[in-house]
Amino acid sequence: MGEIVQPVGFIGLGSMGTPMALNLAKAGTPLLVWNRSLRKTDALAAAGAESARDVSEVFARAQVIVLMLTDGDAIDEVLRRHQDEFVSRVRDRTIVHMGTTSPAYSRALEADIRSAGGHYVEAPVSGSRKPAEAGQLVGMLAGATDAVARVRPLLAPMCRETIVCGAVPKALVMKLAVNIFLLATVTGLAESVHFAERYDLDLDQLAAALNGGQMASDISRVKVPKLVQRDFSVHAAIADVLKNNRLIFEAAREAGIASPLIETCYALYQETLALGHGGEDMVAVVKAMEARTAALA
């Protein structure tokens, strides 16, 4: 009889989870996937992954389970946290939290999992859907040294780089720090394009100036053309960006840290959501700026 290969569990096949799991499957990682919407498992099945009948099967068969879920409520539901099933689901298993939640939530989750006899690794990633598709995310890891060492090689097909940050919740705090720069950069690009457009500048020339100079980056090369072409198809949705912005805002308040740029971004992304653009890419923040300009007329 051949050796039984134990699969890696992967739960959560949203706009980020699907390409991340596909990269694992294409790299030959045996995967057992589950998603609330079962149709989202079709692409993974075509790439060689198994689809679990239900979420319980993932915990029954996998020792390492990756969670790429939207928030703490979704994680708690999958783990059956605060319920009798929780201990049996996490005992002797390594739970890898790759989404973005508050650092405080993650710290408490680690304590519960370790008390139940399980292992826990934070592994949030920096990057949106396009880097996820290309396997070019940056992973940040935190947790017990042995658990992090087990998980780190697993991330290679998804991440071009992994950074070990120390104890939980330092990986999530690192992710929030990185997102400050991302938010400020993309919001600044949107304001730059809005300013140039109102002065009737050639926006293609603006794009050439921005991407030909020292401030050019992977993010400007992607986001500036989207702004110029008014392409609001989603790489990172306004609603998701606002959630991340809120987490930074709350973490800064909790620690007594001044965060003037984040406060400005928070207001703008809230306004963009209120205007009905929550499902559009984060560059749609320019619409909040346009609304403010119209209000000045």
Protein backbone atom coordinates (compact mmCIF):
# COMPACT_ATOMS: atom_id res chain seq x y z
CA MET A 1 0.00 0.00 0.00
CA GLY A 2 1.19 3.51 -0.77
CA GLU A 3 1.93 6.03 1.94
CA ILE A 4 -1.09 8.10 2.96
CA VAL A 5 -0.30 11.76 2.37
CA GLN A 6 -1.98 14.05 4.87
CA PRO A 7 -3.46 17.14 3.22
CA VAL A 8 -3.15 20.73 4.32
CA GLY A 9 -6.52 22.21 5.12
CA PHE A 10 -7.46 25.54 3.53
CA ILE A 11 -10.64 27.33 4.60
CA GLY A 12 -11.79 30.56 2.95
CA LEU A 13 -11.78 31.00 -0.83
CA GLY A 14 -12.49 34.68 -1.29
CA SER A 15 -10.74 37.10 -3.64
CA MET A 16 -7.43 36.47 -1.86
CA GLY A 17 -7.92 32.93 -0.62
CA THR A 18 -8.66 31.42 -4.02
CA PRO A 19 -5.42 32.51 -5.77
CA MET A 20 -3.39 31.71 -2.66
CA ALA A 21 -4.81 28.19 -2.48
CA LEU A 22 -4.37 27.74 -6.24
CA ASN A 23 -0.67 28.53 -5.92
CA LEU A 24 -0.36 25.89 -3.21
CA ALA A 25 -2.17 23.32 -5.33
CA LYS A 26 -0.12 24.12 -8.44
CA ALA A 27 3.06 23.70 -6.39
CA GLY A 28 1.98 20.16 -5.50
CA THR A 29 0.80 20.79 -1.95
CA PRO A 30 -1.94 18.24 -1.13
CA LEU A 31 -4.91 20.41 -0.24
CA LEU A 32 -8.30 19.80 1.33
CA VAL A 33 -10.38 22.94 0.80
CA TRP A 34 -13.69 24.18 2.11
CA ASN A 35 -15.69 27.32 1.55
CA ARG A 36 -19.19 28.32 2.62
CA SER A 37 -20.06 28.80 -1.06
CA LEU A 38 -19.16 25.39 -2.52
CA ARG A 39 -18.99 26.62 -6.12
CA LYS A 40 -15.79 28.45 -5.20
CA THR A 41 -14.05 25.10 -4.74
CA ASP A 42 -14.42 24.22 -8.45
CA ALA A 43 -11.23 26.00 -9.55
CA LEU A 44 -9.29 24.30 -6.77
CA ALA A 45 -10.66 20.88 -7.71
CA ALA A 46 -9.53 21.50 -11.29
CA ALA A 47 -6.02 22.23 -9.94
CA GLY A 48 -5.91 18.96 -8.02
CA ALA A 49 -7.22 19.92 -4.58
CA GLU A 50 -9.85 17.89 -2.75
CA SER A 51 -13.11 19.54 -1.74
CA ALA A 52 -14.26 18.70 1.78
CA ARG A 53 -17.87 17.60 2.24
CA ASP A 54 -18.13 19.93 5.21
CA VAL A 55 -15.83 21.96 7.44
CA SER A 56 -15.63 19.12 10.00
CA GLU A 57 -13.84 16.95 7.44
CA VAL A 58 -11.02 19.48 7.20
CA PHE A 59 -10.33 19.27 10.93
CA ALA A 60 -10.69 15.48 10.90
CA ARG A 61 -8.10 14.92 8.17
CA ALA A 62 -5.63 17.83 8.28
CA GLN A 63 -3.03 18.64 10.91
CA VAL A 64 -2.24 22.08 9.49
CA ILE A 65 -5.26 24.25 8.69
CA VAL A 66 -4.94 27.62 6.93
CA LEU A 67 -7.71 30.13 7.62
CA MET A 68 -8.18 32.96 5.11
CA LEU A 69 -11.40 34.36 6.53
CA THR A 70 -12.89 37.81 6.61
CA ASP A 71 -13.02 38.52 10.34
CA GLY A 72 -12.97 37.13 13.86
CA ASP A 73 -16.64 36.13 13.78
CA ALA A 74 -16.02 33.92 10.73
CA ILE A 75 -12.97 32.36 12.39
CA ASP A 76 -14.84 31.69 15.62
CA GLU A 77 -17.67 30.03 13.71
CA VAL A 78 -15.35 27.72 11.76
CA LEU A 79 -13.37 26.75 14.86
CA ARG A 80 -16.55 26.43 16.97
CA ARG A 81 -14.79 28.64 19.47
CA HIS A 82 -16.59 28.93 22.83
CA GLN A 83 -18.39 25.66 21.99
CA ASP A 84 -17.74 22.05 23.00
CA GLU A 85 -16.33 21.15 19.55
CA PHE A 86 -13.52 23.71 19.79
CA VAL A 87 -11.08 21.51 21.72
CA SER A 88 -11.47 18.55 19.38
CA ARG A 89 -11.02 20.78 16.34
CA VAL A 90 -7.77 22.43 17.41
CA ARG A 91 -6.05 19.88 19.68
CA ASP A 92 -2.77 18.66 18.11
CA ARG A 93 -3.39 20.84 15.07
CA THR A 94 -1.62 23.95 13.81
CA ILE A 95 -4.03 26.76 12.99
CA VAL A 96 -2.59 29.33 10.58
CA HIS A 97 -4.45 32.65 10.63
CA MET A 98 -3.66 34.43 7.34
CA GLY A 99 -6.43 37.02 7.35
CA THR A 100 -6.43 40.40 9.06
CA THR A 101 -8.04 40.90 12.46
CA SER A 102 -7.21 43.08 15.41
CA PRO A 103 -4.03 42.19 17.30
CA ALA A 104 -6.06 41.83 20.50
CA TYR A 105 -8.35 39.26 18.88
CA SER A 106 -5.39 37.24 17.65
CA ARG A 107 -3.67 37.30 21.05
CA ALA A 108 -6.81 35.93 22.71
CA LEU A 109 -7.31 33.30 19.99
CA GLU A 110 -3.75 32.04 20.44
CA ALA A 111 -4.32 31.68 24.18
CA ASP A 112 -7.50 29.65 23.62
CA ILE A 113 -5.91 27.38 21.02
CA ARG A 114 -2.84 26.69 23.13
CA SER A 115 -5.02 25.99 26.19
CA ALA A 116 -6.89 23.42 24.09
CA GLY A 117 -3.64 21.66 23.12
CA GLY A 118 -3.24 23.18 19.69
CA HIS A 119 -0.64 25.36 17.96
CA TYR A 120 -1.17 28.77 16.42
CA VAL A 121 0.65 30.87 13.85
CA GLU A 122 -0.26 34.36 12.68
CA ALA A 123 0.62 34.74 9.01
CA PRO A 124 -1.07 37.84 7.55
CA VAL A 125 0.09 38.87 4.08
CA SER A 126 0.82 42.17 2.39
CA GLY A 127 -0.53 42.46 -1.14
CA SER A 128 -3.81 42.42 -3.02
CA ARG A 129 -5.36 40.04 -5.55
CA LYS A 130 -2.79 40.56 -8.33
CA PRO A 131 0.25 39.74 -6.14
CA ALA A 132 -1.75 36.85 -4.69
CA GLU A 133 -2.28 35.45 -8.19
CA ALA A 134 1.43 35.83 -8.97
CA GLY A 135 2.61 34.26 -5.69
CA GLN A 136 4.27 37.57 -4.83
CA LEU A 137 2.76 38.30 -1.42
CA VAL A 138 4.88 39.16 1.60
CA GLY A 139 4.07 37.00 4.60
CA MET A 140 4.57 38.06 8.20
CA LEU A 141 4.70 35.30 10.81
CA ALA A 142 4.39 35.24 14.59
CA GLY A 143 4.02 32.46 17.10
CA ALA A 144 6.00 29.80 18.92
CA THR A 145 9.34 29.13 17.22
CA ASP A 146 8.64 25.49 16.40
CA ALA A 147 5.17 26.21 14.99
CA VAL A 148 6.49 29.05 12.82
CA ALA A 149 9.29 26.79 11.53
CA ARG A 150 6.72 24.17 10.47
CA VAL A 151 4.52 26.69 8.69
CA ARG A 152 7.08 28.90 6.99
CA PRO A 153 7.98 26.49 4.12
CA LEU A 154 4.28 26.04 3.39
CA LEU A 155 3.99 29.72 2.49
CA ALA A 156 6.67 29.64 -0.23
CA PRO A 157 4.29 29.12 -3.20
CA MET A 158 2.19 32.07 -2.03
CA CYS A 159 4.84 34.52 -0.85
CA ARG A 160 8.01 35.89 -2.40
CA GLU A 161 9.25 36.69 1.08
CA THR A 162 8.38 35.70 4.63
CA ILE A 163 9.38 37.70 7.70
CA VAL A 164 9.38 36.22 11.20
CA CYS A 165 8.20 38.95 13.55
CA GLY A 166 8.34 37.27 16.97
CA ALA A 167 5.51 36.49 19.36
CA VAL A 168 1.80 36.90 18.63
CA PRO A 169 0.44 39.49 17.78
CA LYS A 170 3.54 41.10 16.27
CA ALA A 171 2.80 39.81 12.76
CA LEU A 172 -0.58 41.50 12.73
CA VAL A 173 0.84 44.70 14.18
CA MET A 174 3.47 44.58 11.42
CA LYS A 175 0.73 44.11 8.82
CA LEU A 176 -1.07 47.18 10.15
CA ALA A 177 2.15 49.22 10.02
CA VAL A 178 2.67 48.19 6.39
CA ASN A 179 -0.92 49.09 5.58
CA ILE A 180 -0.40 52.64 6.85
CA PHE A 181 2.09 53.17 4.04
CA LEU A 182 -0.19 51.45 1.50
CA LEU A 183 -3.20 53.56 2.45
CA ALA A 184 -1.25 56.81 2.41
CA THR A 185 0.35 55.93 -0.94
CA VAL A 186 -2.82 54.96 -2.82
CA THR A 187 -4.84 57.81 -1.32
CA GLY A 188 -2.05 60.23 -2.28
CA LEU A 189 -2.05 58.88 -5.84
CA ALA A 190 -5.81 59.38 -6.05
CA GLU A 191 -5.49 62.98 -4.87
CA SER A 192 -2.66 63.60 -7.32
CA VAL A 193 -4.77 62.40 -10.25
CA HIS A 194 -7.82 64.35 -9.02
CA PHE A 195 -5.75 67.53 -8.71
CA ALA A 196 -4.23 67.09 -12.19
CA GLU A 197 -7.60 66.32 -13.77
CA ARG A 198 -9.14 69.49 -12.30
CA TYR A 199 -6.29 71.51 -13.80
CA ASP A 200 -6.93 69.82 -17.16
CA LEU A 201 -3.50 68.23 -17.29
CA ASP A 202 -2.79 65.31 -19.62
CA LEU A 203 -3.26 62.35 -17.28
CA ASP A 204 -1.15 60.05 -19.44
CA GLN A 205 1.69 62.53 -19.03
CA LEU A 206 1.08 62.54 -15.28
CA ALA A 207 1.29 58.74 -15.27
CA ALA A 208 4.56 58.91 -17.20
CA ALA A 209 5.98 61.47 -14.76
CA LEU A 210 4.95 59.47 -11.70
CA ASN A 211 6.11 56.10 -12.98
CA GLY A 212 9.28 57.43 -14.53
CA GLY A 213 10.55 59.07 -11.36
CA GLN A 214 12.05 57.99 -8.06
CA MET A 215 8.66 57.51 -6.41
CA ALA A 216 7.62 54.81 -8.90
CA SER A 217 6.74 51.46 -7.36
CA ASP A 218 4.83 48.29 -8.10
CA ILE A 219 1.78 49.87 -6.51
CA SER A 220 1.99 53.11 -8.52
CA ARG A 221 2.46 51.17 -11.76
CA VAL A 222 -0.79 49.32 -11.05
CA LYS A 223 -2.90 52.02 -9.41
CA VAL A 224 -2.07 55.10 -11.52
CA PRO A 225 -3.33 53.54 -14.79
CA LYS A 226 -6.49 52.43 -12.98
CA LEU A 227 -7.08 56.00 -11.83
CA VAL A 228 -6.35 57.50 -15.24
CA GLN A 229 -8.66 55.01 -17.00
CA ARG A 230 -11.25 55.13 -14.20
CA ASP A 231 -10.98 51.37 -13.90
CA PHE A 232 -12.51 50.48 -10.55
CA SER A 233 -12.45 46.70 -10.98
CA VAL A 234 -11.43 45.13 -7.70
CA HIS A 235 -7.94 44.30 -6.56
CA ALA A 236 -8.64 45.44 -2.98
CA ALA A 237 -12.22 46.55 -2.34
CA ILE A 238 -13.15 49.78 -0.57
CA ALA A 239 -15.09 47.85 2.10
CA ASP A 240 -12.09 45.64 2.87
CA VAL A 241 -9.68 48.56 2.87
CA LEU A 242 -11.95 50.45 5.25
CA LYS A 243 -11.94 47.43 7.60
CA ASN A 244 -8.13 47.44 7.62
CA ASN A 245 -8.08 51.21 8.09
CA ARG A 246 -10.41 50.85 11.09
CA LEU A 247 -8.14 48.20 12.65
CA ILE A 248 -5.16 50.57 12.37
CA PHE A 249 -7.19 53.48 13.73
CA GLU A 250 -8.35 51.43 16.73
CA ALA A 251 -4.89 49.98 17.41
CA ALA A 252 -3.39 53.48 17.34
CA ARG A 253 -6.03 54.76 19.74
CA GLU A 254 -5.51 51.81 22.08
CA ALA A 255 -1.77 52.52 22.25
CA GLY A 256 -2.07 56.31 22.39
CA ILE A 257 -0.32 56.78 19.04
CA ALA A 258 -0.96 59.85 16.87
CA SER A 259 -2.15 58.78 13.40
CA PRO A 260 -3.05 61.89 11.36
CA LEU A 261 -2.76 60.27 7.93
CA ILE A 262 -4.82 57.26 8.96
CA GLU A 263 -7.53 59.54 10.37
CA THR A 264 -7.77 61.36 7.05
CA CYS A 265 -7.83 58.12 5.07
CA TYR A 266 -10.44 56.68 7.43
CA ALA A 267 -12.78 59.59 6.76
CA LEU A 268 -12.28 59.38 3.00
CA TYR A 269 -12.87 55.62 2.76
CA GLN A 270 -15.95 55.92 4.97
CA GLU A 271 -17.28 58.59 2.60
CA THR A 272 -16.51 56.41 -0.43
CA LEU A 273 -18.43 53.52 1.12
CA ALA A 274 -21.35 55.81 1.96
CA LEU A 275 -21.44 56.92 -1.70
CA GLY A 276 -22.12 53.29 -2.66
CA HIS A 277 -18.68 52.22 -3.90
CA GLY A 278 -17.84 49.56 -1.31
CA GLY A 279 -17.41 46.84 -3.93
CA GLU A 280 -15.01 48.86 -6.10
CA ASP A 281 -11.23 48.97 -5.95
CA MET A 282 -9.60 51.20 -3.36
CA VAL A 283 -8.71 53.76 -6.04
CA ALA A 284 -12.43 54.63 -5.99
CA VAL A 285 -11.51 56.80 -2.99
CA VAL A 286 -11.06 59.44 -5.68
CA LYS A 287 -14.88 59.61 -5.81
CA ALA A 288 -14.97 60.91 -2.24
CA MET A 289 -12.50 63.61 -3.27
CA GLU A 290 -14.66 64.47 -6.28
CA ALA A 291 -17.70 64.74 -4.01
CA ARG A 292 -15.83 67.08 -1.67
CA THR A 293 -14.74 69.22 -4.62
CA ALA A 294 -18.31 69.41 -5.91
CA ALA A 295 -19.45 70.52 -2.46
CA LEU A 296 -17.01 73.45 -2.61
CA ALA A 297 -18.47 74.78 -5.87
